[in-house]
Protein backbone atom coordinates (compact mmCIF):
# COMPACT_ATOMS: atom_id res chain seq x y z
CA MET A 1 -23.13 -5.41 -37.71
CA THR A 2 -21.20 -3.01 -35.37
CA THR A 3 -18.33 -1.07 -37.01
CA ARG A 4 -15.04 -1.28 -35.48
CA VAL A 5 -14.12 2.37 -34.35
CA GLY A 6 -10.37 2.61 -35.39
CA ILE A 7 -7.63 5.18 -34.97
CA ARG A 8 -8.39 7.16 -37.97
CA GLU A 9 -12.30 7.65 -36.78
CA VAL A 10 -11.00 8.99 -33.22
CA ALA A 11 -8.50 11.58 -35.40
CA ARG A 12 -10.88 12.62 -37.79
CA ALA A 13 -13.35 13.19 -34.90
CA ALA A 14 -10.96 15.06 -32.66
CA GLY A 15 -9.57 17.00 -35.52
CA VAL A 16 -5.90 15.89 -34.91
CA SER A 17 -3.76 13.54 -36.99
CA VAL A 18 -3.37 9.91 -36.44
CA THR A 19 0.16 10.23 -35.15
CA THR A 20 -0.99 12.50 -32.39
CA VAL A 21 -3.82 10.01 -31.56
CA SER A 22 -1.39 7.33 -31.56
CA HIS A 23 1.13 9.15 -28.87
CA ALA A 24 -1.73 10.54 -26.88
CA LEU A 25 -3.60 7.16 -26.16
CA ASN A 26 -0.20 5.24 -25.78
CA ASP A 27 1.43 7.95 -23.30
CA ALA A 28 4.62 7.98 -25.67
CA THR A 29 7.29 9.90 -24.09
CA SER A 30 9.31 10.37 -27.24
CA PHE A 31 6.33 12.50 -28.81
CA ARG A 32 5.19 15.88 -26.85
CA VAL A 33 1.62 15.95 -26.51
CA LYS A 34 -0.02 18.95 -24.64
CA ALA A 35 -2.04 17.86 -21.78
CA GLU A 36 -5.11 19.44 -22.98
CA THR A 37 -4.97 17.71 -26.21
CA ARG A 38 -3.89 14.34 -24.77
CA GLN A 39 -7.22 14.81 -22.61
CA HIS A 40 -9.24 15.89 -25.48
CA VAL A 41 -8.10 12.95 -27.67
CA ARG A 42 -9.01 10.66 -24.98
CA GLU A 43 -12.60 12.05 -24.21
CA VAL A 44 -13.34 11.74 -27.76
CA ALA A 45 -11.96 8.01 -28.04
CA ARG A 46 -13.95 6.97 -25.06
CA ASN A 47 -17.29 8.64 -26.51
CA LEU A 48 -16.79 6.94 -29.83
CA GLY A 49 -16.40 3.65 -27.72
CA TYR A 50 -12.79 3.31 -29.30
CA ALA A 51 -10.77 0.11 -28.14
CA PRO A 52 -7.20 -0.61 -29.19
CA ASN A 53 -6.43 -3.34 -31.22
CA ARG A 54 -4.27 -5.42 -28.54
CA LEU A 55 -3.44 -8.15 -31.06
CA ALA A 56 -2.08 -5.96 -33.57
CA SER A 57 -0.26 -3.70 -31.02
CA GLY A 58 1.50 -7.02 -29.35
CA LEU A 59 2.49 -8.47 -32.69
CA ARG A 60 4.29 -5.32 -33.33
CA ASN A 61 6.07 -4.74 -29.88
CA GLN A 62 6.47 -8.43 -29.28
CA ARG A 63 4.25 -7.74 -25.90
CA SER A 64 1.23 -9.51 -24.74
CA GLN A 65 0.27 -6.28 -22.68
CA ILE A 66 -0.61 -8.40 -19.75
CA LEU A 67 0.87 -8.22 -16.59
CA GLY A 68 0.79 -11.36 -13.77
CA LEU A 69 0.11 -10.06 -10.10
CA VAL A 70 1.00 -12.89 -7.84
CA SER A 71 0.04 -12.60 -4.14
CA ASP A 72 -0.14 -14.66 -1.13
CA GLU A 73 -3.43 -13.84 0.75
CA ILE A 74 -4.17 -10.36 -0.56
CA THR A 75 -7.24 -11.35 -2.47
CA THR A 76 -8.85 -12.62 0.79
CA THR A 77 -8.43 -9.57 2.98
CA PRO A 78 -9.82 -6.04 3.17
CA PHE A 79 -6.57 -4.55 2.10
CA ALA A 80 -6.98 -6.35 -1.51
CA GLY A 81 -9.40 -3.94 -3.10
CA ALA A 82 -6.97 -0.81 -2.76
CA MET A 83 -3.89 -2.34 -3.56
CA ILE A 84 -5.19 -4.40 -6.69
CA ARG A 85 -7.17 -1.44 -7.68
CA GLY A 86 -4.35 0.74 -7.80
CA ALA A 87 -2.35 -1.89 -9.96
CA GLN A 88 -5.38 -2.33 -12.24
CA ASP A 89 -5.67 1.62 -12.76
CA ALA A 90 -2.23 2.14 -13.50
CA ALA A 91 -2.17 -0.66 -15.82
CA TYR A 92 -5.35 0.42 -17.65
CA GLU A 93 -3.66 4.07 -18.26
CA ARG A 94 -0.80 2.35 -19.79
CA GLY A 95 -2.88 0.27 -22.03
CA TYR A 96 -2.19 -2.91 -20.14
CA VAL A 97 -4.53 -5.62 -18.21
CA VAL A 98 -3.55 -7.33 -15.03
CA MET A 99 -4.17 -11.12 -14.16
CA VAL A 100 -4.23 -11.70 -10.52
CA VAL A 101 -3.71 -14.75 -9.08
CA ASN A 102 -3.68 -15.84 -5.04
CA SER A 103 -1.64 -18.78 -3.68
CA GLY A 104 -3.21 -18.80 -0.09
CA LEU A 105 0.42 -19.66 0.93
CA ASP A 106 0.30 -22.70 -0.95
CA THR A 107 4.24 -22.87 -2.44
CA GLU A 108 3.15 -25.53 -5.02
CA LEU A 109 0.16 -23.83 -6.15
CA GLU A 110 2.00 -20.40 -6.82
CA HIS A 111 4.64 -22.57 -8.85
CA ARG A 112 1.82 -23.79 -11.01
CA GLU A 113 0.26 -19.93 -11.15
CA ILE A 114 3.63 -18.73 -12.22
CA SER A 115 3.92 -21.14 -14.88
CA MET A 116 0.18 -20.60 -16.17
CA LEU A 117 0.94 -16.78 -16.55
CA GLN A 118 4.07 -17.55 -18.44
CA GLN A 119 2.28 -19.63 -20.75
CA HIS A 120 -0.14 -16.50 -21.18
CA GLN A 121 2.89 -14.50 -22.21
CA VAL A 122 2.50 -11.89 -19.48
CA ASP A 123 5.21 -9.14 -19.79
CA GLY A 124 6.11 -9.14 -16.30
CA VAL A 125 5.06 -9.80 -12.84
CA VAL A 126 4.14 -7.89 -9.73
CA TYR A 127 4.98 -10.22 -6.55
CA ALA A 128 2.82 -9.07 -3.83
CA ARG A 129 2.53 -10.07 -0.19
CA LEU A 130 -0.06 -9.31 2.48
CA TYR A 131 2.10 -7.32 4.65
CA HIS A 132 5.57 -5.68 4.63
CA GLN A 133 8.18 -8.69 4.63
CA GLY A 134 11.30 -10.10 3.30
CA VAL A 135 10.99 -12.86 0.63
CA GLN A 136 13.00 -14.90 -1.75
CA LEU A 137 11.52 -14.70 -5.21
CA PRO A 138 10.65 -17.88 -6.84
CA GLN A 139 13.27 -19.27 -9.29
CA GLU A 140 10.61 -19.29 -12.39
CA LEU A 141 10.92 -15.40 -12.07
CA ALA A 142 14.57 -15.30 -12.91
CA GLY A 143 15.23 -13.43 -15.96
CA MET A 144 11.45 -12.02 -16.07
CA PRO A 145 10.77 -8.44 -15.08
CA THR A 146 9.38 -8.40 -11.61
CA VAL A 147 8.65 -5.73 -9.09
CA LEU A 148 7.99 -6.66 -5.44
CA LEU A 149 4.75 -5.09 -3.96
CA ASP A 150 4.60 -4.60 -0.13
CA ALA A 151 7.91 -6.96 0.33
CA VAL A 152 11.62 -6.64 0.04
CA THR A 153 14.54 -8.94 -1.00
CA ASP A 154 18.15 -9.07 -0.70
CA ASP A 155 18.64 -9.11 -4.55
CA ALA A 156 19.52 -5.24 -4.99
CA ALA A 157 18.60 -5.58 -8.70
CA ILE A 158 14.63 -6.26 -7.92
CA SER A 159 12.60 -3.02 -7.45
CA SER A 160 10.45 -2.98 -4.67
CA VAL A 161 7.84 -0.51 -3.13
CA VAL A 162 6.84 -0.70 0.74
CA PRO A 163 5.16 1.62 3.36
CA ASP A 164 7.91 3.71 5.01
CA GLU A 165 7.27 2.17 8.81
CA VAL A 166 9.45 4.84 10.40
CA ASN A 167 7.50 7.66 9.05
CA ALA A 168 4.12 5.95 9.98
CA ALA A 169 5.17 5.63 13.52
CA GLU A 170 6.45 9.12 13.73
CA THR A 171 3.41 10.60 12.00
CA ALA A 172 1.31 8.60 14.71
CA VAL A 173 3.46 9.80 17.64
CA GLU A 174 3.71 13.61 16.35
CA ALA A 175 -0.16 13.45 16.57
CA LEU A 176 -0.10 12.44 20.44
CA ILE A 177 2.66 15.01 20.96
CA ARG A 178 0.95 17.95 19.35
CA VAL A 179 -1.82 18.07 21.85
CA GLY A 180 0.48 17.83 24.86
CA HIS A 181 1.23 14.11 25.40
CA THR A 182 4.42 13.34 27.08
CA ARG A 183 3.80 9.91 28.61
CA ILE A 184 3.19 7.71 25.71
CA GLY A 185 3.29 4.04 25.46
CA MET A 186 3.65 1.78 22.58
CA ILE A 187 1.84 -1.85 21.91
CA ASN A 188 4.17 -3.37 19.37
CA ASN A 189 4.24 -6.62 17.59
CA VAL A 190 5.89 -9.80 18.68
CA ASP A 191 6.86 -11.07 15.11
CA ASP A 192 10.38 -10.39 13.71
CA ILE A 193 9.20 -8.38 10.57
CA PRO A 194 10.37 -4.89 8.92
CA ALA A 195 7.32 -3.44 10.07
CA THR A 196 7.94 -4.43 13.90
CA HIS A 197 11.26 -2.79 13.88
CA GLY A 198 10.43 0.39 11.77
CA ARG A 199 7.56 1.14 13.97
CA PHE A 200 9.47 1.13 17.04
CA ASP A 201 12.50 3.20 15.42
CA GLY A 202 9.48 5.78 14.51
CA PHE A 203 8.16 5.78 17.72
CA ARG A 204 11.50 6.26 19.31
CA ASN A 205 12.60 9.10 16.88
CA ALA A 206 9.52 11.15 17.62
CA LEU A 207 10.19 11.05 21.30
CA ARG A 208 13.61 11.71 20.98
CA ARG A 209 13.07 14.69 18.93
CA HIS A 210 10.88 16.36 21.26
CA GLY A 211 13.21 15.61 24.32
CA ILE A 212 11.09 13.18 25.82
CA GLU A 213 12.41 10.44 27.70
CA ARG A 214 10.95 7.09 26.96
CA ASP A 215 9.83 5.06 29.74
CA PRO A 216 10.54 1.32 29.18
CA ARG A 217 7.55 0.22 31.37
CA HIS A 218 5.64 1.81 28.64
CA LEU A 219 6.65 -0.28 25.90
CA VAL A 220 4.96 -3.74 25.50
CA ILE A 221 5.02 -6.33 23.16
CA GLY A 222 2.36 -9.06 22.17
CA VAL A 223 0.32 -10.72 19.30
CA ALA A 224 -0.79 -8.19 16.84
CA ASP A 225 -4.41 -8.84 17.04
CA THR A 226 -7.30 -7.53 19.12
CA ALA A 227 -6.89 -10.13 21.95
CA GLY A 228 -3.06 -9.54 21.66
CA GLY A 229 -3.68 -5.75 22.26
CA ARG A 230 -6.35 -6.06 25.02
CA GLU A 231 -4.13 -8.28 27.06
CA THR A 232 -0.98 -6.12 26.89
CA ALA A 233 -3.11 -2.92 27.23
CA LEU A 234 -4.78 -4.14 30.44
CA ASP A 235 -1.24 -4.53 31.77
CA LEU A 236 -0.04 -1.38 30.55
CA LEU A 237 -2.99 0.72 31.61
CA SER A 238 -3.01 -0.71 35.17
CA GLN A 239 0.40 0.68 35.98
CA PRO A 240 0.17 3.07 38.66
CA ASP A 241 2.06 5.85 36.69
CA ARG A 242 0.32 4.57 33.28
CA PRO A 243 0.83 6.61 29.85
CA THR A 244 -1.79 9.09 28.80
CA ALA A 245 -1.63 7.81 25.29
CA LEU A 246 -1.04 4.69 23.13
CA PHE A 247 0.41 4.20 19.91
CA CYS A 248 -0.50 0.62 18.81
CA PHE A 249 1.32 -1.40 16.19
CA SER A 250 -2.01 -1.74 14.08
CA ASP A 251 -5.82 -1.00 14.14
CA ARG A 252 -6.60 -4.47 15.60
CA VAL A 253 -4.30 -3.90 18.46
CA ALA A 254 -6.04 -0.59 18.84
CA MET A 255 -9.46 -2.13 19.21
CA GLY A 256 -7.93 -4.37 21.86
CA ALA A 257 -6.72 -1.48 23.71
CA TYR A 258 -10.19 0.04 23.22
CA GLN A 259 -11.88 -2.59 25.20
CA ALA A 260 -9.17 -2.58 27.98
CA ALA A 261 -9.74 0.95 28.37
CA THR A 262 -13.33 0.55 28.85
CA ALA A 263 -12.87 -2.70 31.05
CA LEU A 264 -10.71 -0.24 33.53
CA GLY A 265 -13.32 2.59 33.23
CA LEU A 266 -11.07 4.90 31.11
CA ARG A 267 -12.68 7.32 28.62
CA ILE A 268 -11.26 8.07 25.10
CA PRO A 269 -9.90 10.30 24.50
CA GLU A 270 -10.57 12.23 27.77
CA ASP A 271 -8.56 9.84 29.98
CA ILE A 272 -6.56 7.75 27.38
CA SER A 273 -5.53 8.93 23.74
CA ILE A 274 -5.16 5.91 21.00
CA VAL A 275 -3.52 6.18 17.60
CA GLY A 276 -3.30 2.79 15.26
CA VAL A 277 -1.90 1.93 11.84
CA ASP A 278 -3.66 0.55 8.71
CA ASN A 279 -6.74 2.73 8.64
CA LEU A 280 -8.66 -0.61 8.40
CA GLU A 281 -12.20 1.11 8.03
CA LEU A 282 -13.94 -1.70 9.21
CA ILE A 283 -12.34 -1.14 12.51
CA ALA A 284 -11.25 2.49 12.73
CA ASP A 285 -14.83 4.13 11.39
CA ALA A 286 -16.67 1.38 13.63
CA LEU A 287 -15.06 2.19 16.99
CA TRP A 288 -16.39 4.64 19.02
CA PRO A 289 -14.98 7.60 19.02
CA GLY A 290 -13.55 6.66 15.64
CA LEU A 291 -9.85 5.79 15.68
CA THR A 292 -7.21 8.28 14.44
CA THR A 293 -4.79 6.09 12.70
CA VAL A 294 -2.18 6.30 10.03
CA ALA A 295 -3.18 4.85 6.59
CA LEU A 296 -0.82 2.40 4.61
CA PRO A 297 -0.53 3.44 1.06
CA HIS A 298 -1.95 0.27 -0.51
CA TYR A 299 -3.66 1.97 -3.66
CA GLU A 300 -0.65 4.06 -4.16
CA MET A 301 1.96 0.98 -3.83
CA GLY A 302 -0.06 -0.73 -6.21
CA ARG A 303 0.18 1.92 -8.63
CA TRP A 304 3.91 2.64 -8.13
CA ALA A 305 4.76 -1.11 -8.76
CA VAL A 306 2.77 -1.48 -12.09
CA HIS A 307 4.18 1.96 -13.40
CA ARG A 308 7.61 0.90 -12.57
CA ILE A 309 7.54 -2.45 -14.13
CA LEU A 310 6.03 -1.10 -17.33
CA ASP A 311 8.95 1.43 -17.38
CA ASP A 312 11.37 -1.17 -16.99
CA ILE A 313 9.88 -3.22 -19.86
CA GLU A 314 9.85 -0.17 -21.93
CA ASN A 315 13.51 1.01 -20.78
CA PRO A 316 15.49 -2.33 -19.73
CA GLY A 317 18.52 -1.83 -17.85
CA ARG A 318 17.60 0.83 -15.69
CA PRO A 319 18.92 0.74 -12.05
CA ALA A 320 16.48 -0.93 -9.38
CA GLU A 321 14.67 1.37 -6.98
CA GLN A 322 13.75 0.40 -3.28
CA ALA A 323 10.71 2.92 -2.71
CA ARG A 324 9.30 3.55 0.76
CA LEU A 325 6.04 5.65 0.44
CA ALA A 326 4.59 7.90 2.90
CA CYS A 327 1.79 7.09 5.38
CA PRO A 328 -0.99 10.06 5.93
CA LEU A 329 -2.53 10.40 9.51
CA ILE A 330 -6.58 10.15 9.05
CA GLU A 331 -7.85 12.05 12.26
CA ARG A 332 -10.90 10.83 13.93
CA GLY A 333 -11.95 11.18 17.59
CA SER A 334 -9.75 9.10 19.52
CA VAL A 335 -6.68 11.81 20.41
CA GLY A 336 -7.51 14.60 22.90
CA PRO A 337 -5.11 16.50 25.35
CA PRO A 338 -3.62 14.59 28.35
CA PRO A 339 -5.98 14.65 31.42
CA PRO A 340 -4.84 17.06 34.16
CA SER A 341 -2.15 15.63 36.53
C-alpha cells in the first residue's frame, strides 16, 4: 500500500517548518517566503510526489478550487491550445484546476453548461470568446466571480482581457515603415467588431506619426478569410499606383494576398511586402516566404484571466480592470525594402 506524502514529510525533507511549506506551496502573500526557499520547497514536494489534499483545503476555506472556462468555439480552433494552456498553467500554479466547456454557439447548451459548472460548485468562471468582441453575460453568472477572456462588456464591474488591437496594427505598420515603405495599403475586415476598428486606428496612427499621407484608394474592406483577401488584394494590387506594402487584417487575409500577388506576377518581398495579424502558425510558417505577422497574446490572456479571477476570489471588492495586452511582432521573410521607383 502506497503511503500518502503529506506536508510534514515535505517539511522534513526540505529542512524547513510546516508553516513555510504551506505558504511556499500556496503562494501566500501575507507570509514572506524567499524565492529560493519557495523553489526549493516546490522541487522537494515534486520529487516526493506530494499532492495537496484538496478536499481538506476546500472544507477549510469553503472553496472547491475549481474554475470553469465557458467558451463559444475556442476548443475547435487552432487558438484553443494557447488560450486554454495559459489558463490551466496559471490555475495549477495557484492550486486550482480548470473545467472547460464549449457551447459551439448554442445558447441553450451554454445555459446548461453553466448550470452544470454551478452544480460542481466552481469558485468562478472565465467567460471566453473566440475573438475580441462585445458580449452580454448570461444571467446565470450574476453574483458569481467572472472574468471575460478575449471579450468586453458594458458592465464596468466585470474585469476583462483583450489584445491591444491598436498596438497590434501600429506594430505591423511600423515594421513596414522601418524598411522604407510609404505607400502602404490595408485590407480590413468588413465585420463591425472591435478588432476592425482598433486595427484601422493603429494603421492610421502609425502613418500619421511618420508624416505619411494615407491614400484612401489603398484602404479596402472585405470578408476576413483567404478568398476575401485574394479578391480585395487583386483589386488593390492592380491599381496603376499600387501600394508597395500591405497590412492585412489577419493571416488568412494575408494568405489570400499572397495568392493575388502570385497571380499578378509580383514577388514577395521584392515587389510587395505583406504583414498579417494572428501568428497562426499553420499559415504563417507554411507560406513561402514565411509571413511576418503580429502575434495575438492568447497564452498571456489565458494566464491573466485566471490570475485576475483568483485575486478577486481571495480579495473580494477589488475594482474591476479592463486589460489590453501588447502584441509582439514575429519576423519572417515577407517584408523587405520597397522596389525602386
